[in-house]
N, C-alpha and C. Protein backbone atom coordinates (compact mmCIF):
# COMPACT_ATOMS: atom_id res chain seq x y z
N MET A 1 -17.15 1.75 -20.40
CA MET A 1 -17.24 2.70 -19.31
C MET A 1 -18.69 2.94 -18.92
N ASP A 2 -19.60 2.81 -19.86
CA ASP A 2 -21.02 3.01 -19.56
C ASP A 2 -21.49 2.04 -18.49
N TYR A 3 -21.00 0.80 -18.55
CA TYR A 3 -21.38 -0.18 -17.55
C TYR A 3 -21.00 0.30 -16.15
N ILE A 4 -19.80 0.82 -16.04
CA ILE A 4 -19.30 1.28 -14.73
C ILE A 4 -20.10 2.48 -14.25
N THR A 5 -20.32 3.45 -15.12
CA THR A 5 -21.08 4.63 -14.69
C THR A 5 -22.51 4.26 -14.34
N ASP A 6 -23.11 3.35 -15.11
CA ASP A 6 -24.46 2.89 -14.77
C ASP A 6 -24.48 2.19 -13.41
N PHE A 7 -23.48 1.36 -13.18
CA PHE A 7 -23.38 0.65 -11.90
C PHE A 7 -23.26 1.65 -10.74
N LEU A 8 -22.36 2.61 -10.88
CA LEU A 8 -22.16 3.60 -9.82
C LEU A 8 -23.42 4.41 -9.58
N ASP A 9 -24.06 4.82 -10.66
CA ASP A 9 -25.28 5.62 -10.53
C ASP A 9 -26.42 4.82 -9.89
N SER A 10 -26.46 3.51 -10.15
CA SER A 10 -27.52 2.69 -9.57
C SER A 10 -27.33 2.49 -8.06
N ARG A 11 -26.14 2.75 -7.57
CA ARG A 11 -25.85 2.58 -6.14
C ARG A 11 -25.52 3.90 -5.45
N LYS A 12 -26.00 4.97 -6.04
CA LYS A 12 -25.69 6.32 -5.56
C LYS A 12 -25.93 6.49 -4.06
N ASP A 13 -27.03 5.99 -3.57
CA ASP A 13 -27.35 6.16 -2.15
C ASP A 13 -26.70 5.12 -1.24
N TRP A 14 -25.95 4.20 -1.82
CA TRP A 14 -25.33 3.13 -1.05
C TRP A 14 -23.82 3.27 -0.92
N LEU A 15 -23.20 3.80 -1.94
CA LEU A 15 -21.74 3.91 -1.95
C LEU A 15 -21.27 5.24 -1.40
N GLU A 16 -20.24 5.19 -0.57
CA GLU A 16 -19.60 6.41 -0.09
C GLU A 16 -18.22 6.57 -0.72
N GLY A 17 -17.61 5.43 -1.03
CA GLY A 17 -16.26 5.50 -1.56
C GLY A 17 -15.88 4.23 -2.29
N ILE A 18 -14.75 4.33 -2.98
CA ILE A 18 -14.22 3.24 -3.79
C ILE A 18 -12.74 3.08 -3.46
N CYS A 19 -12.29 1.84 -3.34
CA CYS A 19 -10.86 1.55 -3.17
C CYS A 19 -10.32 1.07 -4.51
N ILE A 20 -9.33 1.76 -5.01
CA ILE A 20 -8.69 1.40 -6.27
C ILE A 20 -7.44 0.61 -5.92
N THR A 21 -7.43 -0.65 -6.33
CA THR A 21 -6.35 -1.54 -5.95
C THR A 21 -5.90 -2.32 -7.18
N GLY A 22 -5.12 -3.33 -7.02
CA GLY A 22 -4.62 -4.01 -8.22
C GLY A 22 -4.15 -5.39 -7.91
N GLY A 23 -3.17 -5.69 -8.59
CA GLY A 23 -1.92 -5.26 -9.16
C GLY A 23 -1.59 -3.84 -8.74
N GLU A 24 -1.12 -3.10 -9.70
CA GLU A 24 -0.73 -1.71 -9.47
C GLU A 24 -1.59 -0.79 -10.31
N PRO A 25 -2.53 -0.06 -9.69
CA PRO A 25 -3.44 0.80 -10.44
C PRO A 25 -2.74 1.90 -11.24
N LEU A 26 -1.59 2.38 -10.75
CA LEU A 26 -0.92 3.48 -11.44
C LEU A 26 -0.26 3.04 -12.74
N LEU A 27 -0.31 1.76 -13.06
CA LEU A 27 0.14 1.28 -14.38
C LEU A 27 -0.75 1.84 -15.48
N HIS A 28 -1.99 2.16 -15.16
CA HIS A 28 -2.97 2.57 -16.15
C HIS A 28 -2.90 4.08 -16.37
N PRO A 29 -2.48 4.50 -17.56
CA PRO A 29 -2.32 5.93 -17.81
C PRO A 29 -3.63 6.73 -17.76
N ASP A 30 -4.76 6.06 -17.92
CA ASP A 30 -6.04 6.76 -17.90
C ASP A 30 -6.72 6.72 -16.52
N LEU A 31 -5.98 6.37 -15.49
CA LEU A 31 -6.55 6.28 -14.14
C LEU A 31 -7.11 7.63 -13.69
N ALA A 32 -6.44 8.73 -14.00
CA ALA A 32 -6.92 10.04 -13.58
C ALA A 32 -8.31 10.32 -14.13
N ASP A 33 -8.56 9.90 -15.36
CA ASP A 33 -9.89 10.10 -15.95
C ASP A 33 -10.95 9.33 -15.17
N PHE A 34 -10.63 8.10 -14.81
CA PHE A 34 -11.57 7.29 -14.04
C PHE A 34 -11.82 7.89 -12.65
N LEU A 35 -10.75 8.34 -12.01
CA LEU A 35 -10.92 8.93 -10.69
C LEU A 35 -11.72 10.23 -10.76
N SER A 36 -11.54 10.98 -11.84
CA SER A 36 -12.35 12.20 -12.04
C SER A 36 -13.83 11.85 -12.11
N LEU A 37 -14.13 10.75 -12.78
CA LEU A 37 -15.51 10.28 -12.88
C LEU A 37 -16.06 9.96 -11.49
N LEU A 38 -15.25 9.32 -10.66
CA LEU A 38 -15.68 8.99 -9.29
C LEU A 38 -15.88 10.25 -8.46
N LYS A 39 -14.97 11.19 -8.58
CA LYS A 39 -15.07 12.42 -7.79
C LYS A 39 -16.28 13.24 -8.22
N LYS A 40 -16.63 13.22 -9.52
CA LYS A 40 -17.83 13.93 -9.99
C LYS A 40 -19.08 13.35 -9.35
N ARG A 41 -19.01 12.09 -8.96
CA ARG A 41 -20.13 11.43 -8.28
C ARG A 41 -20.01 11.55 -6.77
N GLU A 42 -19.09 12.40 -6.34
CA GLU A 42 -18.86 12.70 -4.92
C GLU A 42 -18.51 11.47 -4.10
N LEU A 43 -17.76 10.57 -4.70
CA LEU A 43 -17.29 9.38 -4.00
C LEU A 43 -15.89 9.64 -3.44
N LEU A 44 -15.65 9.10 -2.26
CA LEU A 44 -14.30 9.11 -1.70
C LEU A 44 -13.46 8.07 -2.45
N VAL A 45 -12.17 8.35 -2.59
CA VAL A 45 -11.29 7.44 -3.32
C VAL A 45 -10.08 7.10 -2.45
N LYS A 46 -9.89 5.79 -2.24
CA LYS A 46 -8.68 5.28 -1.58
C LYS A 46 -7.86 4.59 -2.66
N LEU A 47 -6.59 4.89 -2.71
CA LEU A 47 -5.69 4.30 -3.70
C LEU A 47 -4.69 3.41 -2.99
N ASP A 48 -4.59 2.15 -3.44
CA ASP A 48 -3.55 1.24 -2.99
C ASP A 48 -2.46 1.24 -4.06
N THR A 49 -1.22 1.43 -3.66
CA THR A 49 -0.11 1.50 -4.62
C THR A 49 1.12 0.82 -4.05
N ASN A 50 2.03 0.46 -4.96
CA ASN A 50 3.31 -0.07 -4.52
C ASN A 50 4.42 0.97 -4.63
N GLY A 51 4.06 2.18 -5.09
CA GLY A 51 5.03 3.28 -5.12
C GLY A 51 5.92 3.33 -6.34
N SER A 52 5.64 2.55 -7.37
CA SER A 52 6.51 2.48 -8.54
C SER A 52 6.39 3.67 -9.50
N PHE A 53 5.31 4.45 -9.37
CA PHE A 53 5.05 5.53 -10.31
C PHE A 53 4.83 6.86 -9.58
N PRO A 54 5.88 7.42 -9.02
CA PRO A 54 5.72 8.63 -8.21
C PRO A 54 5.14 9.82 -8.97
N SER A 55 5.48 10.00 -10.22
CA SER A 55 4.95 11.17 -10.94
C SER A 55 3.45 11.05 -11.16
N ARG A 56 2.96 9.85 -11.44
CA ARG A 56 1.51 9.65 -11.58
C ARG A 56 0.81 9.84 -10.24
N LEU A 57 1.43 9.34 -9.19
CA LEU A 57 0.88 9.51 -7.84
C LEU A 57 0.80 10.99 -7.50
N GLU A 58 1.86 11.72 -7.74
CA GLU A 58 1.91 13.16 -7.45
C GLU A 58 0.84 13.91 -8.24
N ASP A 59 0.62 13.51 -9.49
CA ASP A 59 -0.39 14.15 -10.33
C ASP A 59 -1.79 13.94 -9.75
N LEU A 60 -2.10 12.72 -9.32
CA LEU A 60 -3.42 12.44 -8.75
C LEU A 60 -3.66 13.24 -7.47
N ILE A 61 -2.63 13.35 -6.66
CA ILE A 61 -2.74 14.13 -5.42
C ILE A 61 -2.95 15.60 -5.75
N ALA A 62 -2.17 16.12 -6.69
CA ALA A 62 -2.28 17.54 -7.07
C ALA A 62 -3.66 17.87 -7.62
N LYS A 63 -4.28 16.92 -8.28
CA LYS A 63 -5.62 17.12 -8.85
C LYS A 63 -6.74 16.80 -7.86
N ASN A 64 -6.37 16.51 -6.60
CA ASN A 64 -7.35 16.18 -5.55
C ASN A 64 -8.24 15.00 -5.93
N LEU A 65 -7.65 13.99 -6.54
CA LEU A 65 -8.42 12.83 -6.98
C LEU A 65 -8.36 11.66 -6.02
N VAL A 66 -7.56 11.78 -4.95
CA VAL A 66 -7.50 10.71 -3.95
C VAL A 66 -7.70 11.31 -2.56
N ASP A 67 -8.42 10.57 -1.73
CA ASP A 67 -8.69 11.00 -0.36
C ASP A 67 -7.84 10.25 0.65
N SER A 68 -7.34 9.09 0.24
CA SER A 68 -6.57 8.24 1.13
C SER A 68 -5.65 7.36 0.28
N ILE A 69 -4.45 7.09 0.82
CA ILE A 69 -3.48 6.27 0.10
C ILE A 69 -2.93 5.22 1.06
N ALA A 70 -2.82 4.00 0.56
CA ALA A 70 -2.10 2.94 1.28
C ALA A 70 -0.98 2.47 0.36
N MET A 71 0.24 2.58 0.84
CA MET A 71 1.38 2.12 0.04
C MET A 71 1.97 0.88 0.67
N ASP A 72 2.06 -0.17 -0.14
CA ASP A 72 2.69 -1.40 0.29
C ASP A 72 4.20 -1.28 0.16
N VAL A 73 4.89 -1.51 1.25
CA VAL A 73 6.34 -1.54 1.26
C VAL A 73 6.73 -3.00 1.33
N LYS A 74 7.57 -3.42 0.42
CA LYS A 74 7.87 -4.86 0.30
C LYS A 74 9.05 -5.32 1.16
N ALA A 75 10.02 -4.40 1.37
CA ALA A 75 11.27 -4.80 2.04
C ALA A 75 12.11 -3.55 2.27
N PRO A 76 13.22 -3.68 3.00
CA PRO A 76 14.18 -2.59 3.00
C PRO A 76 14.64 -2.35 1.55
N LEU A 77 14.97 -1.11 1.21
CA LEU A 77 15.27 -0.77 -0.19
C LEU A 77 16.34 -1.66 -0.81
N GLU A 78 17.39 -1.98 -0.07
CA GLU A 78 18.47 -2.79 -0.63
C GLU A 78 18.04 -4.23 -0.91
N GLU A 79 16.89 -4.66 -0.41
CA GLU A 79 16.39 -6.02 -0.64
C GLU A 79 15.19 -6.08 -1.57
N TYR A 80 14.77 -4.93 -2.11
CA TYR A 80 13.55 -4.87 -2.90
C TYR A 80 13.54 -5.85 -4.08
N GLU A 81 14.59 -5.84 -4.86
CA GLU A 81 14.60 -6.70 -6.05
C GLU A 81 14.61 -8.18 -5.69
N GLU A 82 15.32 -8.52 -4.63
CA GLU A 82 15.35 -9.91 -4.17
C GLU A 82 13.95 -10.36 -3.72
N VAL A 83 13.29 -9.52 -2.95
CA VAL A 83 11.99 -9.87 -2.41
C VAL A 83 10.91 -9.88 -3.49
N THR A 84 10.94 -8.87 -4.38
CA THR A 84 9.90 -8.76 -5.40
C THR A 84 10.19 -9.61 -6.64
N ARG A 85 11.43 -10.07 -6.74
CA ARG A 85 11.85 -10.89 -7.88
C ARG A 85 11.66 -10.17 -9.21
N THR A 86 11.90 -8.88 -9.20
CA THR A 86 11.81 -8.08 -10.41
C THR A 86 12.72 -6.87 -10.28
N VAL A 87 13.00 -6.22 -11.38
CA VAL A 87 13.80 -5.00 -11.37
C VAL A 87 12.95 -3.87 -10.81
N VAL A 88 13.50 -3.19 -9.81
CA VAL A 88 12.77 -2.10 -9.15
C VAL A 88 13.68 -0.89 -9.06
N ASP A 89 13.17 0.26 -9.48
CA ASP A 89 13.90 1.50 -9.31
C ASP A 89 13.56 2.01 -7.90
N VAL A 90 14.43 1.75 -6.96
CA VAL A 90 14.14 2.10 -5.57
C VAL A 90 14.08 3.61 -5.37
N LYS A 91 14.64 4.38 -6.29
CA LYS A 91 14.49 5.84 -6.21
C LYS A 91 13.02 6.22 -6.34
N ASN A 92 12.27 5.48 -7.16
CA ASN A 92 10.83 5.72 -7.28
C ASN A 92 10.10 5.38 -6.00
N ILE A 93 10.52 4.31 -5.35
CA ILE A 93 9.90 3.92 -4.08
C ILE A 93 10.15 5.02 -3.05
N ARG A 94 11.38 5.45 -2.93
CA ARG A 94 11.75 6.51 -1.98
C ARG A 94 10.97 7.80 -2.28
N LYS A 95 10.88 8.16 -3.57
CA LYS A 95 10.17 9.39 -3.95
C LYS A 95 8.68 9.29 -3.61
N SER A 96 8.08 8.14 -3.86
CA SER A 96 6.66 7.95 -3.53
C SER A 96 6.42 8.08 -2.03
N ILE A 97 7.33 7.52 -1.24
CA ILE A 97 7.22 7.63 0.22
C ILE A 97 7.21 9.10 0.62
N ASP A 98 8.14 9.88 0.07
CA ASP A 98 8.22 11.30 0.41
C ASP A 98 6.97 12.05 -0.05
N ILE A 99 6.51 11.76 -1.25
CA ILE A 99 5.30 12.40 -1.77
C ILE A 99 4.12 12.14 -0.84
N ILE A 100 3.95 10.88 -0.47
CA ILE A 100 2.81 10.52 0.38
C ILE A 100 2.92 11.18 1.75
N LYS A 101 4.09 11.13 2.35
CA LYS A 101 4.26 11.70 3.69
C LYS A 101 3.98 13.20 3.72
N HIS A 102 4.21 13.89 2.61
CA HIS A 102 4.04 15.35 2.57
C HIS A 102 2.82 15.79 1.78
N SER A 103 1.93 14.86 1.49
CA SER A 103 0.79 15.13 0.60
C SER A 103 -0.36 15.87 1.26
N GLY A 104 -0.51 15.72 2.57
CA GLY A 104 -1.69 16.26 3.23
C GLY A 104 -2.89 15.33 3.11
N VAL A 105 -2.73 14.23 2.41
CA VAL A 105 -3.78 13.23 2.22
C VAL A 105 -3.64 12.18 3.33
N ASP A 106 -4.75 11.63 3.79
CA ASP A 106 -4.72 10.54 4.76
C ASP A 106 -3.95 9.37 4.14
N TYR A 107 -3.09 8.74 4.90
CA TYR A 107 -2.30 7.65 4.33
C TYR A 107 -1.87 6.65 5.40
N MET A 108 -1.40 5.51 4.90
CA MET A 108 -0.71 4.53 5.74
C MET A 108 0.30 3.80 4.87
N PHE A 109 1.34 3.32 5.49
CA PHE A 109 2.27 2.41 4.85
C PHE A 109 2.04 1.05 5.48
N ARG A 110 2.21 0.01 4.69
CA ARG A 110 1.97 -1.33 5.23
C ARG A 110 2.91 -2.34 4.58
N ILE A 111 3.07 -3.43 5.29
CA ILE A 111 3.87 -4.54 4.79
C ILE A 111 3.13 -5.82 5.11
N THR A 112 3.24 -6.79 4.23
CA THR A 112 2.75 -8.13 4.51
C THR A 112 3.94 -8.91 5.05
N ALA A 113 3.81 -9.42 6.26
CA ALA A 113 4.91 -10.11 6.94
C ALA A 113 5.00 -11.55 6.45
N VAL A 114 5.92 -11.79 5.53
CA VAL A 114 6.12 -13.12 4.96
C VAL A 114 7.37 -13.73 5.60
N PRO A 115 7.22 -14.85 6.32
CA PRO A 115 8.39 -15.50 6.91
C PRO A 115 9.44 -15.81 5.84
N GLY A 116 10.68 -15.50 6.17
CA GLY A 116 11.77 -15.72 5.23
C GLY A 116 12.06 -14.50 4.37
N LEU A 117 11.10 -13.57 4.28
CA LEU A 117 11.32 -12.34 3.51
C LEU A 117 11.48 -11.12 4.41
N ILE A 118 10.98 -11.21 5.64
CA ILE A 118 11.12 -10.10 6.59
C ILE A 118 11.38 -10.66 7.97
N ASP A 119 12.21 -9.96 8.71
CA ASP A 119 12.49 -10.31 10.10
C ASP A 119 12.59 -9.00 10.89
N GLU A 120 12.92 -9.08 12.15
CA GLU A 120 12.96 -7.88 12.98
C GLU A 120 14.00 -6.88 12.47
N ALA A 121 15.16 -7.35 12.03
CA ALA A 121 16.19 -6.44 11.51
C ALA A 121 15.68 -5.71 10.26
N GLY A 122 15.07 -6.43 9.35
CA GLY A 122 14.50 -5.81 8.15
C GLY A 122 13.38 -4.85 8.49
N MET A 123 12.58 -5.23 9.47
CA MET A 123 11.47 -4.37 9.90
C MET A 123 12.01 -3.07 10.47
N LYS A 124 13.08 -3.14 11.26
CA LYS A 124 13.68 -1.92 11.81
C LYS A 124 14.22 -1.03 10.69
N GLU A 125 14.80 -1.63 9.68
CA GLU A 125 15.31 -0.85 8.54
C GLU A 125 14.16 -0.14 7.82
N ILE A 126 13.04 -0.83 7.67
CA ILE A 126 11.86 -0.20 7.07
C ILE A 126 11.35 0.92 7.98
N GLY A 127 11.37 0.69 9.28
CA GLY A 127 10.98 1.72 10.24
C GLY A 127 11.81 2.98 10.08
N ARG A 128 13.14 2.82 9.94
CA ARG A 128 14.01 3.97 9.75
C ARG A 128 13.68 4.68 8.42
N MET A 129 13.42 3.89 7.39
CA MET A 129 13.11 4.44 6.07
C MET A 129 11.81 5.26 6.09
N LEU A 130 10.83 4.80 6.85
CA LEU A 130 9.51 5.46 6.89
C LEU A 130 9.33 6.37 8.09
N GLN A 131 10.36 6.53 8.89
CA GLN A 131 10.26 7.26 10.15
C GLN A 131 9.50 8.57 9.97
N GLY A 132 8.59 8.81 10.90
CA GLY A 132 7.79 10.02 10.86
C GLY A 132 6.45 9.82 10.19
N ALA A 133 6.25 8.70 9.50
CA ALA A 133 4.95 8.41 8.91
C ALA A 133 3.95 8.21 10.04
N ARG A 134 2.70 8.55 9.77
CA ARG A 134 1.66 8.49 10.81
C ARG A 134 1.29 7.06 11.21
N VAL A 135 1.07 6.20 10.20
CA VAL A 135 0.56 4.86 10.48
C VAL A 135 1.39 3.83 9.69
N PHE A 136 1.76 2.77 10.39
CA PHE A 136 2.42 1.63 9.75
C PHE A 136 1.64 0.39 10.14
N GLN A 137 1.24 -0.35 9.14
CA GLN A 137 0.44 -1.56 9.39
C GLN A 137 1.21 -2.80 8.95
N ILE A 138 1.25 -3.79 9.82
CA ILE A 138 1.88 -5.07 9.52
C ILE A 138 0.75 -6.08 9.33
N GLN A 139 0.68 -6.63 8.12
CA GLN A 139 -0.39 -7.57 7.78
C GLN A 139 0.14 -8.99 7.83
N GLN A 140 -0.68 -9.87 8.32
CA GLN A 140 -0.33 -11.29 8.38
C GLN A 140 -0.35 -11.88 6.97
N PHE A 141 0.67 -12.62 6.64
CA PHE A 141 0.73 -13.37 5.39
C PHE A 141 -0.24 -14.55 5.45
N VAL A 142 -1.00 -14.73 4.39
CA VAL A 142 -1.93 -15.86 4.29
C VAL A 142 -1.46 -16.72 3.11
N PRO A 143 -1.05 -17.94 3.37
CA PRO A 143 -0.47 -18.78 2.31
C PRO A 143 -1.51 -19.42 1.38
N GLU A 144 -2.29 -18.59 0.72
CA GLU A 144 -3.30 -19.08 -0.22
C GLU A 144 -3.24 -18.27 -1.50
N ASN A 145 -3.45 -18.91 -2.64
CA ASN A 145 -3.51 -18.23 -3.94
C ASN A 145 -2.28 -17.38 -4.20
N THR A 146 -1.11 -17.91 -3.90
CA THR A 146 0.13 -17.16 -4.10
C THR A 146 0.63 -17.35 -5.53
N LEU A 147 1.37 -16.36 -6.03
CA LEU A 147 1.93 -16.47 -7.38
C LEU A 147 2.94 -17.60 -7.45
N ASP A 148 3.71 -17.77 -6.40
CA ASP A 148 4.69 -18.84 -6.32
C ASP A 148 4.12 -19.93 -5.39
N PRO A 149 3.81 -21.10 -5.94
CA PRO A 149 3.22 -22.16 -5.12
C PRO A 149 4.04 -22.55 -3.89
N ALA A 150 5.34 -22.29 -3.92
CA ALA A 150 6.18 -22.62 -2.76
C ALA A 150 5.74 -21.83 -1.52
N PHE A 151 5.19 -20.63 -1.74
CA PHE A 151 4.76 -19.82 -0.61
C PHE A 151 3.51 -20.39 0.07
N GLU A 152 2.79 -21.23 -0.62
CA GLU A 152 1.60 -21.85 -0.02
C GLU A 152 1.97 -22.85 1.07
N ARG A 153 3.24 -23.25 1.10
CA ARG A 153 3.71 -24.19 2.12
C ARG A 153 4.30 -23.48 3.34
N LEU A 154 4.42 -22.16 3.27
CA LEU A 154 4.97 -21.40 4.41
C LEU A 154 3.98 -21.33 5.56
N LYS A 155 4.50 -21.38 6.74
CA LYS A 155 3.69 -21.18 7.94
C LYS A 155 3.76 -19.69 8.29
N PRO A 156 2.61 -19.02 8.43
CA PRO A 156 2.61 -17.60 8.80
C PRO A 156 3.25 -17.40 10.18
N PHE A 157 3.68 -16.18 10.43
CA PHE A 157 4.19 -15.86 11.75
C PHE A 157 3.11 -16.13 12.80
N LYS A 158 3.53 -16.58 13.96
CA LYS A 158 2.61 -16.75 15.08
C LYS A 158 2.26 -15.38 15.66
N ARG A 159 1.19 -15.34 16.43
CA ARG A 159 0.72 -14.08 17.03
C ARG A 159 1.83 -13.36 17.78
N GLU A 160 2.57 -14.07 18.61
CA GLU A 160 3.64 -13.43 19.38
C GLU A 160 4.77 -12.92 18.49
N GLU A 161 5.02 -13.61 17.37
CA GLU A 161 6.04 -13.16 16.43
C GLU A 161 5.57 -11.88 15.71
N MET A 162 4.29 -11.82 15.37
CA MET A 162 3.73 -10.61 14.75
C MET A 162 3.85 -9.43 15.72
N ARG A 163 3.54 -9.68 16.97
CA ARG A 163 3.63 -8.62 17.98
C ARG A 163 5.08 -8.15 18.15
N ALA A 164 6.02 -9.09 18.10
CA ALA A 164 7.44 -8.72 18.21
C ALA A 164 7.87 -7.86 17.02
N LEU A 165 7.38 -8.20 15.83
CA LEU A 165 7.67 -7.37 14.65
C LEU A 165 7.13 -5.96 14.87
N GLY A 166 5.92 -5.87 15.39
CA GLY A 166 5.32 -4.56 15.67
C GLY A 166 6.10 -3.78 16.70
N GLN A 167 6.51 -4.46 17.76
CA GLN A 167 7.28 -3.79 18.82
C GLN A 167 8.63 -3.30 18.30
N SER A 168 9.18 -3.99 17.31
CA SER A 168 10.49 -3.60 16.79
C SER A 168 10.46 -2.26 16.06
N VAL A 169 9.26 -1.79 15.67
CA VAL A 169 9.17 -0.52 14.93
C VAL A 169 8.35 0.55 15.65
N GLU A 170 7.89 0.27 16.85
CA GLU A 170 7.04 1.22 17.57
C GLU A 170 7.68 2.60 17.74
N ARG A 171 8.98 2.64 17.90
CA ARG A 171 9.64 3.94 18.14
C ARG A 171 9.64 4.84 16.91
N PHE A 172 9.36 4.27 15.72
CA PHE A 172 9.42 5.05 14.49
C PHE A 172 8.09 5.70 14.09
N PHE A 173 6.97 5.23 14.67
CA PHE A 173 5.64 5.65 14.23
C PHE A 173 4.74 5.98 15.40
N PRO A 174 3.87 6.98 15.23
CA PRO A 174 2.87 7.24 16.27
C PRO A 174 1.89 6.08 16.42
N GLU A 175 1.63 5.36 15.31
CA GLU A 175 0.67 4.25 15.37
C GLU A 175 1.18 3.07 14.55
N VAL A 176 1.25 1.91 15.19
CA VAL A 176 1.60 0.66 14.51
C VAL A 176 0.39 -0.26 14.68
N ARG A 177 -0.11 -0.74 13.57
CA ARG A 177 -1.25 -1.66 13.58
C ARG A 177 -0.76 -3.04 13.18
N ILE A 178 -1.30 -4.04 13.84
CA ILE A 178 -1.00 -5.42 13.47
C ILE A 178 -2.29 -6.08 13.06
N GLU A 179 -2.35 -6.50 11.82
CA GLU A 179 -3.54 -7.15 11.29
C GLU A 179 -3.26 -8.64 11.17
N GLU A 180 -3.88 -9.38 12.05
CA GLU A 180 -3.67 -10.82 12.06
C GLU A 180 -4.82 -11.49 11.30
N ALA A 181 -4.49 -12.59 10.65
CA ALA A 181 -5.49 -13.30 9.86
C ALA A 181 -6.56 -13.91 10.74
């Protein structure tokens, strides 16, 4: 930990904030301690999460340890396990969504648009699930360095297809962002 504190202190006049990302940062039970260290140095903290640990998320928010949250939504809830290829307690995903939406913290929900895993119908279902959220971002899938090599052969959605995905959810959010590669 000394290395990290020394590094942060050496860049005191350069750093304004830190993004905590992963894998899943909330897997680490000592994350609150680390975020406390960042806040003591008056750094802003953005947390990227997949929503699997709502009680840890709620604790960090209650302790004012995060300034911004981005939650990755993988699929409509009924398709989560198929898309993620793992066992997922979707009640935790739903609870995290509610916690974030009512947290008072700046936030966004986002999805990476992977052909074959999401389409307009699935996007609309996600829109209904997140309805009322301030910002929804659709990120372009980049077929590089994937866990499953088969995904490296996928062709990303074309620009017009990305825009159509965005248009399919516009009625659910005040702001829809499309991030193209």
